[in-house]
């Protein structure tokens, strides 16, 4: 499978790394917090048969840099928009996992005209949408990194990433109700995102359907790629 490796130079001189494979309608894959485009290694070969697949390393993650002192979903959404401009893409499908789903929702709010179909796997608009034990672990990690970042540059960068999980993403109920793209909310039965929150997303987004996958948790795209790929291709290929 041929892969093109590309870079976007942003207005603030950050470098956003992304890869392109396959042919067809554009499909963007957005990874979770602290991850990279490699998260979708079991999806890309399959999806490339049907789509031109873009796997993006979000700003400040993996092979992408961040020259800014902040890291927000708004910045990352703007980066995504600029990649689409650079590649002359009018509209695309987006699949987001975890923080990637959160980024996809922020992108959908800011640039609705750029979105064709949307897949949200384990996203949350509010911090309370995540199960309590995970929120406690994240808060402890944040405090620890905040201390370390006083004298360690790497910890300072990592702190910005973890900080994304400490605040609501800025997508309200009325924002969700304005999303016009056909949407699939898909989540494992044992995900760290509260089921009631995933159902809330599917209920508020006007054109959304909901799939609960038995026996699966947060990283279900990796653990059961056959089910993940099948459900998503069925949704994206639907007339």
Protein backbone atom coordinates (compact mmCIF):
# COMPACT_ATOMS: atom_id res chain seq x y z
CA UNK A 1 0.00 0.00 0.00
CA UNK A 2 1.47 3.31 -1.14
CA UNK A 3 1.66 5.93 1.60
CA UNK A 4 2.36 9.62 1.06
CA UNK A 5 3.97 11.39 4.02
CA UNK A 6 3.07 15.06 4.20
CA UNK A 7 3.50 18.06 6.49
CA UNK A 8 1.44 21.21 7.01
CA UNK A 9 3.28 24.35 8.11
CA UNK A 10 0.81 26.34 10.24
CA UNK A 11 0.75 30.16 10.60
CA UNK A 12 2.49 29.81 13.99
CA UNK A 13 5.23 27.62 12.44
CA UNK A 14 4.06 24.35 13.96
CA UNK A 15 4.45 21.30 11.72
CA UNK A 16 1.46 18.97 11.42
CA UNK A 17 2.35 15.52 10.13
CA UNK A 18 -0.14 13.42 8.16
CA UNK A 19 -0.18 10.41 5.83
CA UNK A 20 -2.36 9.73 2.79
CA UNK A 21 -3.28 6.35 1.36
CA UNK A 22 -5.91 4.89 -0.95
CA UNK A 23 -8.27 6.41 -3.49
CA UNK A 24 -11.77 7.84 -3.31
CA UNK A 25 -13.74 10.28 -1.16
CA UNK A 26 -11.58 11.86 1.61
CA UNK A 27 -11.71 10.21 5.05
CA UNK A 28 -9.86 11.63 8.06
CA UNK A 29 -8.89 9.47 11.04
CA UNK A 30 -8.31 11.33 14.32
CA UNK A 31 -6.51 9.58 17.20
CA UNK A 32 -6.95 9.93 20.96
CA UNK A 33 -5.06 11.83 23.67
CA UNK A 34 -1.32 11.13 23.67
CA UNK A 35 -1.66 8.91 20.59
CA UNK A 36 -0.81 9.16 16.89
CA UNK A 37 -2.18 8.21 13.49
CA UNK A 38 -0.65 4.75 14.07
CA UNK A 39 -3.61 3.98 16.34
CA UNK A 40 -5.56 3.20 13.15
CA UNK A 41 -3.05 0.75 11.63
CA UNK A 42 -5.77 -1.95 11.46
CA UNK A 43 -8.19 0.43 9.75
CA UNK A 44 -6.07 2.13 7.09
CA UNK A 45 -5.47 -0.92 4.80
CA UNK A 46 -9.19 -1.74 4.81
CA UNK A 47 -10.53 1.82 4.48
CA UNK A 48 -8.01 2.62 1.71
CA UNK A 49 -9.94 0.33 -0.65
CA UNK A 50 -12.88 2.73 -0.51
CA UNK A 51 -11.50 6.14 0.48
CA UNK A 52 -8.51 8.45 0.31
CA UNK A 53 -7.49 8.04 3.95
CA UNK A 54 -5.77 10.83 5.88
CA UNK A 55 -4.22 9.87 9.23
CA UNK A 56 -3.20 12.99 11.13
CA UNK A 57 -0.90 13.33 14.14
CA UNK A 58 -2.65 16.10 16.08
CA UNK A 59 -0.69 19.23 17.05
CA UNK A 60 1.76 18.49 19.87
CA UNK A 61 1.37 14.72 19.39
CA UNK A 62 3.84 12.18 17.97
CA UNK A 63 5.43 13.57 14.78
CA UNK A 64 3.59 16.91 14.92
CA UNK A 65 5.06 19.90 16.72
CA UNK A 66 3.43 22.76 18.64
CA UNK A 67 5.22 26.12 18.87
CA UNK A 68 2.34 27.63 20.86
CA UNK A 69 2.20 27.81 24.67
CA UNK A 70 -1.32 26.42 24.55
CA UNK A 71 -2.97 23.33 23.09
CA UNK A 72 -6.70 23.50 22.40
CA UNK A 73 -9.25 21.66 20.28
CA UNK A 74 -9.86 24.96 18.46
CA UNK A 75 -6.20 25.10 17.38
CA UNK A 76 -6.30 21.45 16.29
CA UNK A 77 -9.55 22.03 14.36
CA UNK A 78 -7.92 24.98 12.55
CA UNK A 79 -4.96 22.73 11.66
CA UNK A 80 -7.36 20.18 10.20
CA UNK A 81 -9.11 22.87 8.18
CA UNK A 82 -5.72 24.03 6.79
CA UNK A 83 -4.81 20.45 5.78
CA UNK A 84 -8.09 20.29 3.85
CA UNK A 85 -7.27 23.61 2.18
CA UNK A 86 -3.74 22.42 1.36
CA UNK A 87 -5.15 19.22 -0.20
CA UNK A 88 -8.03 21.05 -1.99
CA UNK A 89 -10.70 19.09 -0.09
CA UNK A 90 -14.18 20.61 -0.14
CA UNK A 91 -15.79 17.99 2.15
CA UNK A 92 -14.63 14.91 4.02
CA UNK A 93 -15.80 12.10 6.27
CA UNK A 94 -14.26 12.15 9.75
CA UNK A 95 -13.77 9.30 12.21
CA UNK A 96 -12.67 10.42 15.66
CA UNK A 97 -11.61 8.21 18.56
CA UNK A 98 -11.69 9.54 22.16
CA UNK A 99 -10.03 13.02 22.07
CA UNK A 100 -10.14 12.62 18.27
CA UNK A 101 -13.94 12.40 18.53
CA UNK A 102 -13.88 15.55 20.67
CA UNK A 103 -11.76 17.28 18.03
CA UNK A 104 -14.21 16.08 15.36
CA UNK A 105 -17.12 17.65 17.26
CA UNK A 106 -15.27 20.97 17.65
CA UNK A 107 -14.40 20.84 13.93
CA UNK A 108 -18.04 20.11 13.04
CA UNK A 109 -19.14 23.14 15.09
CA UNK A 110 -16.55 25.47 13.51
CA UNK A 111 -16.51 24.24 9.91
CA UNK A 112 -19.84 22.46 9.24
CA UNK A 113 -19.52 23.04 5.49
CA UNK A 114 -16.39 20.83 5.41
CA UNK A 115 -18.09 17.76 6.86
CA UNK A 116 -19.91 15.01 4.98
CA UNK A 117 -20.28 12.19 7.52
CA UNK A 118 -19.10 11.90 11.10
CA UNK A 119 -18.17 8.88 13.25
CA UNK A 120 -17.74 9.48 16.98
CA UNK A 121 -16.07 6.62 18.85
CA UNK A 122 -15.89 7.29 22.60
CA UNK A 123 -16.11 11.08 22.59
CA UNK A 124 -17.26 13.36 25.41
CA UNK A 125 -18.27 17.02 25.36
CA UNK A 126 -18.01 17.39 29.14
CA UNK A 127 -15.46 16.05 31.64
CA UNK A 128 -18.30 14.46 33.64
CA UNK A 129 -19.01 12.24 30.62
CA UNK A 130 -15.91 10.21 31.62
CA UNK A 131 -16.12 7.62 34.41
CA UNK A 132 -14.99 8.87 37.83
CA UNK A 133 -11.93 6.58 38.36
CA UNK A 134 -10.45 7.77 35.05
CA UNK A 135 -11.09 11.42 35.97
CA UNK A 136 -9.27 10.91 39.27
CA UNK A 137 -6.25 9.28 37.56
CA UNK A 138 -6.14 12.13 34.98
CA UNK A 139 -6.28 14.79 37.71
CA UNK A 140 -3.42 13.12 39.62
CA UNK A 141 -1.37 12.85 36.42
CA UNK A 142 -2.03 16.54 35.72
CA UNK A 143 -0.86 17.65 39.18
CA UNK A 144 2.28 15.49 38.91
CA UNK A 145 3.12 16.85 35.43
CA UNK A 146 2.48 20.42 36.57
CA UNK A 147 5.15 19.98 39.22
CA UNK A 148 7.58 18.23 36.83
CA UNK A 149 7.06 20.87 34.14
CA UNK A 150 8.71 23.50 36.36
CA UNK A 151 12.08 22.02 35.43
CA UNK A 152 11.41 19.60 32.55
CA UNK A 153 10.53 20.63 28.97
CA UNK A 154 9.14 17.24 27.99
CA UNK A 155 6.79 17.26 31.00
CA UNK A 156 5.65 20.76 29.99
CA UNK A 157 4.67 19.48 26.53
CA UNK A 158 2.94 16.43 28.03
CA UNK A 159 1.07 18.69 30.48
CA UNK A 160 -0.60 20.53 27.57
CA UNK A 161 -1.86 17.21 26.17
CA UNK A 162 -3.23 15.97 29.51
CA UNK A 163 -4.84 19.39 30.08
CA UNK A 164 -7.16 18.67 27.12
CA UNK A 165 -8.86 16.04 29.31
CA UNK A 166 -9.35 18.41 32.25
CA UNK A 167 -11.92 20.75 30.69
CA UNK A 168 -15.20 20.60 28.75
CA UNK A 169 -14.60 20.93 25.01
CA UNK A 170 -16.92 23.91 24.37
CA UNK A 171 -19.60 22.07 22.40
CA UNK A 172 -23.00 22.71 24.00
CA UNK A 173 -26.31 20.89 23.64
CA UNK A 174 -27.49 23.54 21.16
CA UNK A 175 -24.22 23.13 19.17
CA UNK A 176 -24.91 19.40 18.90
CA UNK A 177 -28.47 20.12 17.78
CA UNK A 178 -27.10 22.26 14.92
CA UNK A 179 -24.87 19.49 13.51
CA UNK A 180 -26.33 18.56 10.14
CA UNK A 181 -23.90 15.82 9.07
CA UNK A 182 -25.11 12.24 9.23
CA UNK A 183 -23.44 10.84 12.37
CA UNK A 184 -22.67 7.47 13.93
CA UNK A 185 -21.98 7.29 17.67
CA UNK A 186 -20.25 3.96 18.31
CA UNK A 187 -18.94 2.81 21.67
CA UNK A 188 -17.87 -0.37 23.46
CA UNK A 189 -20.11 -1.63 26.25
CA UNK A 190 -17.22 -1.29 28.75
CA UNK A 191 -15.88 2.05 27.59
CA UNK A 192 -14.51 4.65 30.04
CA UNK A 193 -17.06 7.09 28.58
CA UNK A 194 -20.34 6.81 30.47
CA UNK A 195 -22.95 5.11 28.32
CA UNK A 196 -25.54 7.71 29.26
CA UNK A 197 -23.24 10.39 27.79
CA UNK A 198 -22.77 8.51 24.48
CA UNK A 199 -26.56 8.12 24.26
CA UNK A 200 -26.95 11.85 24.97
CA UNK A 201 -24.68 12.67 21.98
CA UNK A 202 -26.65 10.36 19.69
CA UNK A 203 -29.94 11.82 20.94
CA UNK A 204 -28.99 15.50 20.55
CA UNK A 205 -27.32 15.25 17.12
CA UNK A 206 -30.32 15.37 14.74
CA UNK A 207 -29.11 12.87 12.15
CA UNK A 208 -27.35 10.37 14.43
CA UNK A 209 -27.51 6.64 15.04
CA UNK A 210 -26.08 4.75 18.02
CA UNK A 211 -24.26 1.41 18.21
CA UNK A 212 -23.25 -0.25 21.48
CA UNK A 213 -20.67 -2.99 20.87
CA UNK A 214 -20.73 -5.90 23.35
CA UNK A 215 -17.54 -7.17 25.05
CA UNK A 216 -15.51 -4.10 24.04
CA UNK A 217 -13.87 -1.23 25.93
CA UNK A 218 -12.12 2.00 25.01
CA UNK A 219 -9.60 0.78 22.39
CA UNK A 220 -12.01 -1.40 20.52
CA UNK A 221 -10.77 -0.34 17.05
CA UNK A 222 -7.50 -2.09 17.97
CA UNK A 223 -8.98 -5.06 19.85
CA UNK A 224 -11.74 -5.97 17.41
CA UNK A 225 -10.90 -4.26 14.11
CA UNK A 226 -13.20 -6.59 12.12
CA UNK A 227 -16.33 -5.36 13.95
CA UNK A 228 -15.14 -1.76 14.06
CA UNK A 229 -14.29 -1.64 10.34
CA UNK A 230 -17.48 -3.43 9.29
CA UNK A 231 -19.83 -1.16 11.28
CA UNK A 232 -18.10 1.99 10.05
CA UNK A 233 -17.89 0.99 6.39
CA UNK A 234 -21.58 0.02 6.49
CA UNK A 235 -22.40 3.48 7.82
CA UNK A 236 -20.10 5.43 5.46
CA UNK A 237 -21.14 3.50 2.36
CA UNK A 238 -24.87 3.79 3.08
CA UNK A 239 -26.72 5.68 0.38
